[in-house]
Amino acid sequence: MSKKPKEAGFEGALAELEELVASMEAGNLPLDEALRRFERGVQLTRDCQAALQAAQQRVQVLTQRAAGATLEDFEPSATGEATSP
């Protein structure tokens, strides 16, 4: 199993997660390796959730701007949550 570079973004993380799930579902991994892959999968899931949340917030900001609402720009924090200036 090869690890995808961080630059791959959401799509790369999702592809790696799919590979991890497939290899774990095969059921032929030693326990230590299965746990290592599970831990990696948890991290990838968190990364994907944060990316989706940030995208959702961007869409919301753009949609509200298009409707004429006055909003402040958001800047995602390290945890993926929006912060107010």
C-alpha atoms as a PDB file:
ATOM      1  CA  MET A   1       0.000   0.000   0.000  1.00  0.00           C
ATOM      2  CA  SER A   2       1.432   3.340  -1.015  1.00  0.00           C
ATOM      3  CA  LYS A   3       0.600   6.528   0.806  1.00  0.00           C
ATOM      4  CA  LYS A   4      -0.716   9.413  -1.265  1.00  0.00           C
ATOM      5  CA  PRO A   5       1.035  12.766  -0.953  1.00  0.00           C
ATOM      6  CA  LYS A   6      -0.744  15.467   1.052  1.00  0.00           C
ATOM      7  CA  GLU A   7      -1.068  17.579  -2.098  1.00  0.00           C
ATOM      8  CA  ALA A   8      -3.545  15.077  -3.519  1.00  0.00           C
ATOM      9  CA  GLY A   9      -6.282  16.723  -1.454  1.00  0.00           C
ATOM     10  CA  PHE A  10      -9.747  15.394  -0.874  1.00  0.00           C
ATOM     11  CA  GLU A  11      -9.811  13.075  -3.873  1.00  0.00           C
ATOM     12  CA  GLY A  12      -6.473  11.529  -2.966  1.00  0.00           C
ATOM     13  CA  ALA A  13      -7.489  11.027   0.649  1.00  0.00           C
ATOM     14  CA  LEU A  14     -10.739   9.412  -0.437  1.00  0.00           C
ATOM     15  CA  ALA A  15      -8.935   7.092  -2.853  1.00  0.00           C
ATOM     16  CA  GLU A  16      -6.458   6.070  -0.149  1.00  0.00           C
ATOM     17  CA  LEU A  17      -9.326   5.465   2.257  1.00  0.00           C
ATOM     18  CA  GLU A  18     -11.018   3.215  -0.292  1.00  0.00           C
ATOM     19  CA  GLU A  19      -7.776   1.238  -0.701  1.00  0.00           C
ATOM     20  CA  LEU A  20      -7.470   0.854   3.072  1.00  0.00           C
ATOM     21  CA  VAL A  21     -11.037  -0.394   3.397  1.00  0.00           C
ATOM     22  CA  ALA A  22     -10.580  -2.916   0.574  1.00  0.00           C
ATOM     23  CA  SER A  23      -7.370  -4.290   2.073  1.00  0.00           C
ATOM     24  CA  MET A  24      -8.942  -4.572   5.519  1.00  0.00           C
ATOM     25  CA  GLU A  25     -12.087  -6.225   4.175  1.00  0.00           C
ATOM     26  CA  ALA A  26      -9.926  -8.917   2.583  1.00  0.00           C
ATOM     27  CA  GLY A  27      -9.247 -10.085   6.146  1.00  0.00           C
ATOM     28  CA  ASN A  28      -5.713 -11.356   5.585  1.00  0.00           C
ATOM     29  CA  LEU A  29      -3.748  -8.665   7.457  1.00  0.00           C
ATOM     30  CA  PRO A  30      -1.864  -9.262  10.695  1.00  0.00           C
ATOM     31  CA  LEU A  31      -3.472  -7.497  13.657  1.00  0.00           C
ATOM     32  CA  ASP A  32      -0.746  -4.841  13.947  1.00  0.00           C
ATOM     33  CA  GLU A  33      -1.046  -3.912  10.279  1.00  0.00           C
ATOM     34  CA  ALA A  34      -4.848  -3.863  10.452  1.00  0.00           C
ATOM     35  CA  LEU A  35      -4.708  -1.495  13.433  1.00  0.00           C
ATOM     36  CA  ARG A  36      -2.177   0.728  11.667  1.00  0.00           C
ATOM     37  CA  ARG A  37      -4.430   0.930   8.606  1.00  0.00           C
ATOM     38  CA  PHE A  38      -7.478   1.557  10.778  1.00  0.00           C
ATOM     39  CA  GLU A  39      -5.706   4.478  12.480  1.00  0.00           C
ATOM     40  CA  ARG A  40      -4.744   5.884   9.073  1.00  0.00           C
ATOM     41  CA  GLY A  41      -8.341   5.468   7.931  1.00  0.00           C
ATOM     42  CA  VAL A  42      -9.640   7.409  10.933  1.00  0.00           C
ATOM     43  CA  GLN A  43      -7.244  10.268  10.140  1.00  0.00           C
ATOM     44  CA  LEU A  44      -8.229  10.265   6.462  1.00  0.00           C
ATOM     45  CA  THR A  45     -11.906  10.310   7.433  1.00  0.00           C
ATOM     46  CA  ARG A  46     -11.321  13.351   9.645  1.00  0.00           C
ATOM     47  CA  ASP A  47      -9.382  15.086   6.881  1.00  0.00           C
ATOM     48  CA  CYS A  48     -12.169  14.413   4.367  1.00  0.00           C
ATOM     49  CA  GLN A  49     -14.845  15.640   6.779  1.00  0.00           C
ATOM     50  CA  ALA A  50     -12.899  18.864   7.383  1.00  0.00           C
ATOM     51  CA  ALA A  51     -12.451  19.414   3.639  1.00  0.00           C
ATOM     52  CA  LEU A  52     -16.169  18.860   3.025  1.00  0.00           C
ATOM     53  CA  GLN A  53     -17.107  21.234   5.829  1.00  0.00           C
ATOM     54  CA  ALA A  54     -14.807  23.936   4.451  1.00  0.00           C
ATOM     55  CA  ALA A  55     -16.270  23.471   0.963  1.00  0.00           C
ATOM     56  CA  GLN A  56     -19.791  23.689   2.339  1.00  0.00           C
ATOM     57  CA  GLN A  57     -18.939  26.937   4.134  1.00  0.00           C
ATOM     58  CA  ARG A  58     -17.432  28.401   0.962  1.00  0.00           C
ATOM     59  CA  VAL A  59     -20.559  27.515  -1.024  1.00  0.00           C
ATOM     60  CA  GLN A  60     -22.720  29.098   1.661  1.00  0.00           C
ATOM     61  CA  VAL A  61     -20.661  32.306   1.628  1.00  0.00           C
ATOM     62  CA  LEU A  62     -20.767  32.495  -2.174  1.00  0.00           C
ATOM     63  CA  THR A  63     -24.495  31.782  -2.292  1.00  0.00           C
ATOM     64  CA  GLN A  64     -25.295  34.432   0.289  1.00  0.00           C
ATOM     65  CA  ARG A  65     -23.080  36.959  -1.476  1.00  0.00           C
ATOM     66  CA  ALA A  66     -24.886  36.291  -4.736  1.00  0.00           C
ATOM     67  CA  ALA A  67     -28.195  36.931  -2.961  1.00  0.00           C
ATOM     68  CA  GLY A  68     -26.938  40.363  -1.848  1.00  0.00           C
ATOM     69  CA  ALA A  69     -26.225  39.546   1.770  1.00  0.00           C
ATOM     70  CA  THR A  70     -23.254  41.226   3.379  1.00  0.00           C
ATOM     71  CA  LEU A  71     -20.921  38.674   4.924  1.00  0.00           C
ATOM     72  CA  GLU A  72     -17.408  38.613   6.216  1.00  0.00           C
ATOM     73  CA  ASP A  73     -14.909  36.232   4.666  1.00  0.00           C
ATOM     74  CA  PHE A  74     -14.118  33.176   6.698  1.00  0.00           C
ATOM     75  CA  GLU A  75     -10.740  31.622   7.198  1.00  0.00           C
ATOM     76  CA  PRO A  76     -10.676  27.938   8.062  1.00  0.00           C
ATOM     77  CA  SER A  77      -8.752  27.055  11.181  1.00  0.00           C
ATOM     78  CA  ALA A  78      -6.430  24.087  11.521  1.00  0.00           C
ATOM     79  CA  THR A  79      -9.427  21.966  12.598  1.00  0.00           C
ATOM     80  CA  GLY A  80     -11.419  22.924   9.517  1.00  0.00           C
ATOM     81  CA  GLU A  81     -13.855  25.150  11.378  1.00  0.00           C
ATOM     82  CA  ALA A  82     -14.548  28.675  10.216  1.00  0.00           C
ATOM     83  CA  THR A  83     -13.272  31.496  12.362  1.00  0.00           C
ATOM     84  CA  SER A  84     -14.566  35.020  12.558  1.00  0.00           C
ATOM     85  CA  PRO A  85     -12.080  37.891  12.184  1.00  0.00           C
END
